[in-house]
Amino acid sequence: MLKRLSLCIALSLLAIPALADVVTKKFDWQPVGGIQKIAMESSEVAISQIKFDLGDTIAPIRRSSAKAKVRIDNNSERDQEVGVAIAIFDDQGNMLAAGSGGNKVGELGHGDREEFTVSFPYVYRNLKNARSFLVTLETKEKGKWQPKPTPTP
């Protein structure tokens, strides 16, 4: 009886899907030449830089080319599914723009770096009034654990 119960518990734990890790952090708006250095991490996946491009309006559809390019480094031992979202606010707390991006196909390999584009296509007209922004980083481990290569002397 105890063996059956243990087996049922073990099987049910294996059936639980791996949950994604999420971290959100607020930053003051301080890009220099469009580039802002930040520091945030989730499951050893790090964001250290965002390049903001306030863009222009694309006629005749009145869609914006405003975007942010987010540099992501996977410093973990596993491949990761990665998602990132950015919401930009003025000094009154009004949201000026929001968007998200991430892996479209596959994963970010362990030890790899990639730039994800976060577009702000329709709500963008007041980006010049930006004072702060939130960044959310969502990660989910994929694949089998693989040790990082050790440097040879």
Protein backbone atom coordinates (compact mmCIF):
# COMPACT_ATOMS: atom_id res chain seq x y z
CA MET A 1 0.00 0.00 0.00
CA LEU A 2 2.78 2.42 0.93
CA LYS A 3 4.63 1.61 -2.32
CA ARG A 4 1.49 2.37 -4.36
CA LEU A 5 0.97 5.67 -2.57
CA SER A 6 4.61 6.64 -3.12
CA LEU A 7 4.35 5.72 -6.79
CA CYS A 8 1.15 7.79 -7.20
CA ILE A 9 2.76 10.81 -5.54
CA ALA A 10 5.90 10.49 -7.68
CA LEU A 11 3.88 10.22 -10.89
CA SER A 12 1.70 13.19 -9.99
CA LEU A 13 4.77 15.32 -9.29
CA LEU A 14 6.20 14.42 -12.68
CA ALA A 15 2.93 15.40 -14.33
CA ILE A 16 3.07 18.96 -12.93
CA PRO A 17 4.35 21.19 -15.72
CA ALA A 18 7.36 23.33 -14.98
CA LEU A 19 6.23 26.81 -14.06
CA ALA A 20 7.80 29.90 -15.54
CA ASP A 21 9.79 32.27 -13.33
CA VAL A 22 8.79 35.93 -13.51
CA VAL A 23 10.50 39.06 -12.21
CA THR A 24 9.35 42.68 -12.68
CA LYS A 25 11.44 45.75 -11.92
CA LYS A 26 10.82 49.50 -12.23
CA PHE A 27 13.46 51.89 -13.61
CA ASP A 28 13.72 55.66 -14.02
CA TRP A 29 13.75 56.78 -17.66
CA GLN A 30 17.40 57.73 -18.28
CA PRO A 31 18.48 56.55 -21.73
CA VAL A 32 21.68 58.10 -23.09
CA GLY A 33 21.67 58.16 -26.87
CA GLY A 34 18.68 55.82 -26.68
CA ILE A 35 20.57 53.22 -24.60
CA GLN A 36 19.78 52.50 -20.97
CA LYS A 37 21.81 50.15 -18.81
CA ILE A 38 19.78 48.11 -16.33
CA ALA A 39 20.38 45.08 -14.12
CA MET A 40 17.77 42.38 -13.65
CA GLU A 41 17.82 38.59 -13.65
CA SER A 42 15.50 35.58 -13.51
CA SER A 43 16.78 31.99 -13.42
CA GLU A 44 20.26 33.23 -14.40
CA VAL A 45 18.85 34.93 -17.50
CA ALA A 46 19.89 38.59 -17.39
CA ILE A 47 18.92 41.85 -19.02
CA SER A 48 21.64 44.49 -18.89
CA GLN A 49 20.77 46.90 -21.71
CA ILE A 50 17.76 48.28 -23.56
CA LYS A 51 18.02 50.40 -26.73
CA PHE A 52 14.98 52.64 -27.05
CA ASP A 53 13.96 53.94 -30.49
CA LEU A 54 11.06 56.42 -30.26
CA GLY A 55 10.43 55.85 -33.96
CA ASP A 56 8.14 57.67 -36.33
CA THR A 57 4.64 57.25 -37.73
CA ILE A 58 4.35 54.95 -40.73
CA ALA A 59 1.85 56.45 -43.18
CA PRO A 60 -0.86 55.83 -44.29
CA ILE A 61 -1.72 53.32 -41.54
CA ARG A 62 -0.58 55.59 -38.69
CA ARG A 63 1.36 52.79 -37.06
CA SER A 64 4.49 53.61 -35.09
CA SER A 65 7.97 52.24 -35.63
CA ALA A 66 8.75 52.90 -31.92
CA LYS A 67 10.49 49.95 -30.30
CA ALA A 68 13.00 48.76 -27.73
CA LYS A 69 15.75 46.21 -28.37
CA VAL A 70 16.40 44.21 -25.21
CA ARG A 71 19.72 42.39 -24.82
CA ILE A 72 19.25 39.06 -23.00
CA ASP A 73 22.05 36.80 -21.76
CA ASN A 74 21.36 33.20 -20.76
CA ASN A 75 23.96 32.58 -18.07
CA SER A 76 22.27 29.39 -16.87
CA GLU A 77 23.16 25.75 -17.49
CA ARG A 78 19.96 25.12 -19.49
CA ASP A 79 18.26 26.43 -22.59
CA GLN A 80 15.46 28.86 -21.73
CA GLU A 81 12.17 30.06 -23.16
CA VAL A 82 12.29 33.82 -22.63
CA GLY A 83 9.65 36.53 -22.73
CA VAL A 84 10.04 40.22 -21.96
CA ALA A 85 7.46 42.99 -21.56
CA ILE A 86 7.98 46.74 -21.18
CA ALA A 87 5.46 49.35 -20.02
CA ILE A 88 6.46 53.05 -20.14
CA PHE A 89 4.89 55.70 -17.87
CA ASP A 90 4.82 59.50 -17.52
CA ASP A 91 5.27 61.39 -14.22
CA GLN A 92 1.52 61.09 -13.50
CA GLY A 93 1.56 57.29 -13.80
CA ASN A 94 -0.19 57.23 -17.19
CA MET A 95 0.96 54.37 -19.41
CA LEU A 96 2.48 55.83 -22.59
CA ALA A 97 3.39 52.58 -24.36
CA ALA A 98 3.53 48.84 -23.77
CA GLY A 99 4.76 45.83 -25.68
CA SER A 100 6.25 42.38 -25.38
CA GLY A 101 8.62 40.07 -27.21
CA GLY A 102 10.63 36.89 -26.81
CA ASN A 103 11.49 33.59 -28.44
CA LYS A 104 9.45 33.08 -31.56
CA VAL A 105 10.87 29.62 -32.28
CA GLY A 106 12.97 27.44 -30.04
CA GLU A 107 14.85 28.60 -26.98
CA LEU A 108 17.73 30.83 -25.98
CA GLY A 109 20.62 28.38 -25.65
CA HIS A 110 22.63 28.21 -22.45
CA GLY A 111 25.52 30.65 -22.68
CA ASP A 112 23.91 32.53 -25.61
CA ARG A 113 23.02 36.22 -26.03
CA GLU A 114 20.17 37.56 -28.13
CA GLU A 115 18.34 40.84 -28.74
CA PHE A 116 14.55 40.72 -28.56
CA THR A 117 12.47 43.50 -30.10
CA VAL A 118 9.57 44.96 -28.14
CA SER A 119 7.36 47.04 -30.45
CA PHE A 120 5.10 49.93 -29.43
CA PRO A 121 2.96 50.04 -32.60
CA TYR A 122 -0.17 51.99 -31.71
CA VAL A 123 0.10 53.75 -28.33
CA TYR A 124 3.29 55.81 -28.68
CA ARG A 125 2.44 59.49 -29.26
CA ASN A 126 3.56 60.71 -25.82
CA LEU A 127 6.84 58.80 -25.41
CA LYS A 128 8.68 62.12 -25.17
CA ASN A 129 7.05 62.48 -21.71
CA ALA A 130 8.45 59.18 -20.38
CA ARG A 131 9.71 59.23 -16.78
CA SER A 132 9.80 55.54 -15.78
CA PHE A 133 9.28 52.06 -17.14
CA LEU A 134 8.58 48.55 -15.91
CA VAL A 135 10.33 45.51 -17.33
CA THR A 136 9.00 41.99 -16.81
CA LEU A 137 11.27 39.05 -17.58
CA GLU A 138 9.71 35.59 -17.82
CA THR A 139 11.89 32.49 -18.12
CA LYS A 140 11.21 28.77 -18.35
CA GLU A 141 13.92 26.11 -18.40
CA LYS A 142 13.94 23.78 -21.39
CA GLY A 143 15.89 20.70 -22.31
CA LYS A 144 18.32 18.69 -20.25
CA TRP A 145 20.90 20.11 -17.90
CA GLN A 146 24.28 20.57 -19.51
CA PRO A 147 27.35 21.72 -17.62
CA LYS A 148 29.06 24.91 -18.73
CA PRO A 149 32.34 24.19 -20.51
CA THR A 150 35.35 24.69 -18.27
CA PRO A 151 38.14 26.82 -19.68
CA THR A 152 41.34 24.99 -20.46
CA PRO A 153 44.60 26.59 -19.29
